[in-house]
Amino acid sequence: MKSYCSIPSALFLLCFLSFSKVGESQERESEYVGFNKNALSTNIGIGGLYFTATGYYERLLQQNKWQKNISSFVKFGYGAEAHWGGGGMYMLAQYGIFTGAKIHHLEISTGPNFFISGDLKGDFAPWSAALGWRVQKPGGNFIFRMGAAWPEAIYTGLGVSF
């Protein structure tokens, strides 16, 4: 009787079938992963001969605002500034939004600013604002941000969300 399958052919077929990936396609609804509600961060800023360091507490208020990839937050900060003629301390509170659904976000915030000591106290309008780039993965804990702001000048910062 004649065999239609040789031993090497059978071994090749057996190896091919055991190493090939057999998959099954299923339609799954994507799960929404939101951002953590609280964050602590620090920023360091520089603007010529003007230097700042600020610590923040941030609270996320609403995610997917207006059924868009927009989230709103409030943040409270305490910082120090130094320049050629001296330095001082300041406090600020800001309301802001950030856009984007994945890792990279545009961040805009504004609110009152108070120089509580130093030679800039009373010399500037009591208002702060920031425009920057934020890197934070939804559900992730790490935050990196950079941008331009008053009173922080050109800043970069790191933070953790929880």
C-alpha atoms as a PDB file:
ATOM      1  CA  MET A   1       0.000   0.000   0.000  1.00  0.00           C
ATOM      2  CA  LYS A   2       1.318   3.386  -0.975  1.00  0.00           C
ATOM      3  CA  SER A   3       1.464   6.228   1.631  1.00  0.00           C
ATOM      4  CA  TYR A   4       0.423   9.683   0.547  1.00  0.00           C
ATOM      5  CA  CYS A   5       2.207  11.375   3.450  1.00  0.00           C
ATOM      6  CA  SER A   6       5.882  11.004   4.209  1.00  0.00           C
ATOM      7  CA  ILE A   7       7.266  11.364   7.727  1.00  0.00           C
ATOM      8  CA  PRO A   8       9.119  14.661   7.029  1.00  0.00           C
ATOM      9  CA  SER A   9       5.970  16.142   5.485  1.00  0.00           C
ATOM     10  CA  ALA A  10       3.897  15.071   8.471  1.00  0.00           C
ATOM     11  CA  LEU A  11       6.437  16.608  10.914  1.00  0.00           C
ATOM     12  CA  PHE A  12       6.481  19.860   8.947  1.00  0.00           C
ATOM     13  CA  LEU A  13       2.682  20.020   8.950  1.00  0.00           C
ATOM     14  CA  LEU A  14       2.563  19.248  12.687  1.00  0.00           C
ATOM     15  CA  CYS A  15       5.140  21.993  13.496  1.00  0.00           C
ATOM     16  CA  PHE A  16       3.410  24.501  11.251  1.00  0.00           C
ATOM     17  CA  LEU A  17       0.037  23.907  12.870  1.00  0.00           C
ATOM     18  CA  SER A  18       1.422  24.021  16.412  1.00  0.00           C
ATOM     19  CA  PHE A  19       3.327  27.313  15.888  1.00  0.00           C
ATOM     20  CA  SER A  20       0.685  29.122  13.883  1.00  0.00           C
ATOM     21  CA  LYS A  21      -1.577  31.467  15.737  1.00  0.00           C
ATOM     22  CA  VAL A  22      -5.209  30.626  15.494  1.00  0.00           C
ATOM     23  CA  GLY A  23      -7.280  33.631  16.530  1.00  0.00           C
ATOM     24  CA  GLU A  24     -10.893  34.409  16.985  1.00  0.00           C
ATOM     25  CA  SER A  25     -12.226  37.841  16.244  1.00  0.00           C
ATOM     26  CA  GLN A  26     -14.768  39.286  18.639  1.00  0.00           C
ATOM     27  CA  GLU A  27     -16.298  42.700  18.700  1.00  0.00           C
ATOM     28  CA  ARG A  28     -15.711  44.359  22.069  1.00  0.00           C
ATOM     29  CA  GLU A  29     -16.930  47.650  23.358  1.00  0.00           C
ATOM     30  CA  SER A  30     -14.009  49.860  24.299  1.00  0.00           C
ATOM     31  CA  GLU A  31     -13.780  50.638  27.988  1.00  0.00           C
ATOM     32  CA  TYR A  32     -13.363  54.262  28.977  1.00  0.00           C
ATOM     33  CA  VAL A  33     -10.397  54.785  31.286  1.00  0.00           C
ATOM     34  CA  GLY A  34     -10.582  58.101  33.078  1.00  0.00           C
ATOM     35  CA  PHE A  35      -7.972  60.239  34.759  1.00  0.00           C
ATOM     36  CA  ASN A  36      -7.273  60.062  38.470  1.00  0.00           C
ATOM     37  CA  LYS A  37      -9.110  62.757  40.467  1.00  0.00           C
ATOM     38  CA  ASN A  38      -6.190  64.181  42.520  1.00  0.00           C
ATOM     39  CA  ALA A  39      -2.650  65.233  41.653  1.00  0.00           C
ATOM     40  CA  LEU A  40       0.421  66.721  43.316  1.00  0.00           C
ATOM     41  CA  SER A  41       3.024  68.406  41.127  1.00  0.00           C
ATOM     42  CA  THR A  42       5.968  70.787  41.155  1.00  0.00           C
ATOM     43  CA  ASN A  43       7.017  73.259  38.476  1.00  0.00           C
ATOM     44  CA  ILE A  44      10.274  75.108  37.987  1.00  0.00           C
ATOM     45  CA  GLY A  45      10.227  78.223  35.818  1.00  0.00           C
ATOM     46  CA  ILE A  46      12.728  80.617  34.321  1.00  0.00           C
ATOM     47  CA  GLY A  47      12.326  83.903  32.489  1.00  0.00           C
ATOM     48  CA  GLY A  48      15.620  85.689  31.951  1.00  0.00           C
ATOM     49  CA  LEU A  49      16.773  86.687  35.450  1.00  0.00           C
ATOM     50  CA  TYR A  50      13.482  85.615  37.002  1.00  0.00           C
ATOM     51  CA  PHE A  51      13.209  82.130  38.584  1.00  0.00           C
ATOM     52  CA  THR A  52      10.246  80.341  40.178  1.00  0.00           C
ATOM     53  CA  ALA A  53       9.443  77.101  41.976  1.00  0.00           C
ATOM     54  CA  THR A  54       5.820  76.147  42.657  1.00  0.00           C
ATOM     55  CA  GLY A  55       4.062  73.216  44.291  1.00  0.00           C
ATOM     56  CA  TYR A  56       0.469  72.364  43.317  1.00  0.00           C
ATOM     57  CA  TYR A  57      -2.505  70.349  44.468  1.00  0.00           C
ATOM     58  CA  GLU A  58      -4.915  69.689  41.610  1.00  0.00           C
ATOM     59  CA  ARG A  59      -8.446  68.281  41.688  1.00  0.00           C
ATOM     60  CA  LEU A  60     -10.170  67.037  38.546  1.00  0.00           C
ATOM     61  CA  LEU A  61     -13.753  68.314  38.445  1.00  0.00           C
ATOM     62  CA  GLN A  62     -15.297  66.806  35.335  1.00  0.00           C
ATOM     63  CA  GLN A  63     -14.164  64.501  32.549  1.00  0.00           C
ATOM     64  CA  ASN A  64     -15.550  64.438  28.988  1.00  0.00           C
ATOM     65  CA  LYS A  65     -17.150  67.830  29.423  1.00  0.00           C
ATOM     66  CA  TRP A  66     -19.780  68.598  26.749  1.00  0.00           C
ATOM     67  CA  GLN A  67     -19.346  65.027  25.379  1.00  0.00           C
ATOM     68  CA  LYS A  68     -15.889  66.034  24.119  1.00  0.00           C
ATOM     69  CA  ASN A  69     -12.365  65.114  25.206  1.00  0.00           C
ATOM     70  CA  ILE A  70     -12.241  68.094  27.565  1.00  0.00           C
ATOM     71  CA  SER A  71     -11.635  67.784  31.305  1.00  0.00           C
ATOM     72  CA  SER A  72     -11.904  70.591  33.858  1.00  0.00           C
ATOM     73  CA  PHE A  73      -9.834  71.040  37.026  1.00  0.00           C
ATOM     74  CA  VAL A  74      -8.953  73.425  39.818  1.00  0.00           C
ATOM     75  CA  LYS A  75      -5.478  73.755  41.249  1.00  0.00           C
ATOM     76  CA  PHE A  76      -3.983  75.535  44.221  1.00  0.00           C
ATOM     77  CA  GLY A  77      -0.326  76.472  44.364  1.00  0.00           C
ATOM     78  CA  TYR A  78       2.272  77.948  46.663  1.00  0.00           C
ATOM     79  CA  GLY A  79       5.571  79.131  45.286  1.00  0.00           C
ATOM     80  CA  ALA A  80       8.682  81.225  45.514  1.00  0.00           C
ATOM     81  CA  GLU A  81      10.197  83.634  43.020  1.00  0.00           C
ATOM     82  CA  ALA A  82      13.662  85.103  42.824  1.00  0.00           C
ATOM     83  CA  HIS A  83      15.048  87.796  40.560  1.00  0.00           C
ATOM     84  CA  TRP A  84      17.965  90.203  40.354  1.00  0.00           C
ATOM     85  CA  GLY A  85      16.498  92.628  42.886  1.00  0.00           C
ATOM     86  CA  GLY A  86      15.177  90.139  45.446  1.00  0.00           C
ATOM     87  CA  GLY A  87      12.431  87.580  45.731  1.00  0.00           C
ATOM     88  CA  GLY A  88       9.247  86.612  47.479  1.00  0.00           C
ATOM     89  CA  MET A  89       6.444  84.104  47.936  1.00  0.00           C
ATOM     90  CA  TYR A  90       3.112  83.778  46.145  1.00  0.00           C
ATOM     91  CA  MET A  91      -0.118  81.772  46.275  1.00  0.00           C
ATOM     92  CA  LEU A  92      -2.471  81.105  43.404  1.00  0.00           C
ATOM     93  CA  ALA A  93      -5.694  79.308  42.554  1.00  0.00           C
ATOM     94  CA  GLN A  94      -6.655  78.454  38.992  1.00  0.00           C
ATOM     95  CA  TYR A  95      -9.556  76.929  37.085  1.00  0.00           C
ATOM     96  CA  GLY A  96      -8.598  75.206  33.868  1.00  0.00           C
ATOM     97  CA  ILE A  97      -9.297  72.687  31.165  1.00  0.00           C
ATOM     98  CA  PHE A  98      -7.190  70.188  29.281  1.00  0.00           C
ATOM     99  CA  THR A  99      -8.053  68.502  26.007  1.00  0.00           C
ATOM    100  CA  GLY A 100      -7.212  65.164  24.459  1.00  0.00           C
ATOM    101  CA  ALA A 101      -8.132  61.531  25.010  1.00  0.00           C
ATOM    102  CA  LYS A 102      -4.787  59.776  24.958  1.00  0.00           C
ATOM    103  CA  ILE A 103      -1.407  60.841  26.363  1.00  0.00           C
ATOM    104  CA  HIS A 104      -0.806  64.393  25.056  1.00  0.00           C
ATOM    105  CA  HIS A 105      -3.014  67.289  26.172  1.00  0.00           C
ATOM    106  CA  LEU A 106      -3.298  71.047  25.733  1.00  0.00           C
ATOM    107  CA  GLU A 107      -3.732  72.655  29.151  1.00  0.00           C
ATOM    108  CA  ILE A 108      -5.148  76.156  29.796  1.00  0.00           C
ATOM    109  CA  SER A 109      -5.845  77.671  33.235  1.00  0.00           C
ATOM    110  CA  THR A 110      -6.415  81.035  34.879  1.00  0.00           C
ATOM    111  CA  GLY A 111      -7.232  82.472  38.303  1.00  0.00           C
ATOM    112  CA  PRO A 112      -6.223  84.820  41.122  1.00  0.00           C
ATOM    113  CA  ASN A 113      -2.600  85.245  42.185  1.00  0.00           C
ATOM    114  CA  PHE A 114      -1.334  86.868  45.384  1.00  0.00           C
ATOM    115  CA  PHE A 115       2.269  87.836  46.088  1.00  0.00           C
ATOM    116  CA  ILE A 116       2.338  87.422  49.868  1.00  0.00           C
ATOM    117  CA  SER A 117       5.881  88.678  50.442  1.00  0.00           C
ATOM    118  CA  GLY A 118       8.773  90.256  48.596  1.00  0.00           C
ATOM    119  CA  ASP A 119       9.212  93.267  46.406  1.00  0.00           C
ATOM    120  CA  LEU A 120       6.644  92.173  43.765  1.00  0.00           C
ATOM    121  CA  LYS A 121       3.861  92.382  46.345  1.00  0.00           C
ATOM    122  CA  GLY A 122       1.314  94.931  45.148  1.00  0.00           C
ATOM    123  CA  ASP A 123       3.217  95.768  41.922  1.00  0.00           C
ATOM    124  CA  PHE A 124       1.392  93.393  39.578  1.00  0.00           C
ATOM    125  CA  ALA A 125      -2.218  92.578  38.733  1.00  0.00           C
ATOM    126  CA  PRO A 126      -3.466  89.778  40.989  1.00  0.00           C
ATOM    127  CA  TRP A 127      -4.123  87.385  38.132  1.00  0.00           C
ATOM    128  CA  SER A 128      -2.375  84.230  36.929  1.00  0.00           C
ATOM    129  CA  ALA A 129      -2.665  82.262  33.701  1.00  0.00           C
ATOM    130  CA  ALA A 130      -0.990  79.248  32.113  1.00  0.00           C
ATOM    131  CA  LEU A 131      -0.876  77.691  28.649  1.00  0.00           C
ATOM    132  CA  GLY A 132       0.997  74.445  28.246  1.00  0.00           C
ATOM    133  CA  TRP A 133       1.475  70.858  27.156  1.00  0.00           C
ATOM    134  CA  ARG A 134       0.587  68.044  29.541  1.00  0.00           C
ATOM    135  CA  VAL A 135       1.630  64.409  29.212  1.00  0.00           C
ATOM    136  CA  GLN A 136      -0.588  62.070  31.225  1.00  0.00           C
ATOM    137  CA  LYS A 137      -1.909  58.667  30.257  1.00  0.00           C
ATOM    138  CA  PRO A 138      -5.564  58.106  31.231  1.00  0.00           C
ATOM    139  CA  GLY A 139      -5.524  55.998  34.383  1.00  0.00           C
ATOM    140  CA  GLY A 140      -1.782  56.574  34.752  1.00  0.00           C
ATOM    141  CA  ASN A 141      -0.044  58.196  37.702  1.00  0.00           C
ATOM    142  CA  PHE A 142       2.795  60.138  36.030  1.00  0.00           C
ATOM    143  CA  ILE A 143       2.349  63.770  34.884  1.00  0.00           C
ATOM    144  CA  PHE A 144       4.828  65.834  32.879  1.00  0.00           C
ATOM    145  CA  ARG A 145       3.996  69.403  31.901  1.00  0.00           C
ATOM    146  CA  MET A 146       5.677  72.372  30.282  1.00  0.00           C
ATOM    147  CA  GLY A 147       4.518  75.743  29.044  1.00  0.00           C
ATOM    148  CA  ALA A 148       4.368  79.451  29.708  1.00  0.00           C
ATOM    149  CA  ALA A 149       2.589  81.102  32.644  1.00  0.00           C
ATOM    150  CA  TRP A 150       2.467  84.043  34.994  1.00  0.00           C
ATOM    151  CA  PRO A 151       3.984  84.075  37.592  1.00  0.00           C
ATOM    152  CA  GLU A 152       5.969  80.984  36.546  1.00  0.00           C
ATOM    153  CA  ALA A 153       7.482  82.227  33.252  1.00  0.00           C
ATOM    154  CA  ILE A 154       8.636  79.337  31.016  1.00  0.00           C
ATOM    155  CA  TYR A 155       8.110  76.250  33.174  1.00  0.00           C
ATOM    156  CA  THR A 156       8.554  72.504  33.275  1.00  0.00           C
ATOM    157  CA  GLY A 157       7.117  70.219  35.919  1.00  0.00           C
ATOM    158  CA  LEU A 158       6.590  66.694  37.183  1.00  0.00           C
ATOM    159  CA  GLY A 159       3.735  65.277  39.165  1.00  0.00           C
ATOM    160  CA  VAL A 160       1.847  62.249  40.359  1.00  0.00           C
ATOM    161  CA  SER A 161      -1.893  61.629  40.224  1.00  0.00           C
ATOM    162  CA  PHE A 162      -3.859  59.406  42.564  1.00  0.00           C
END
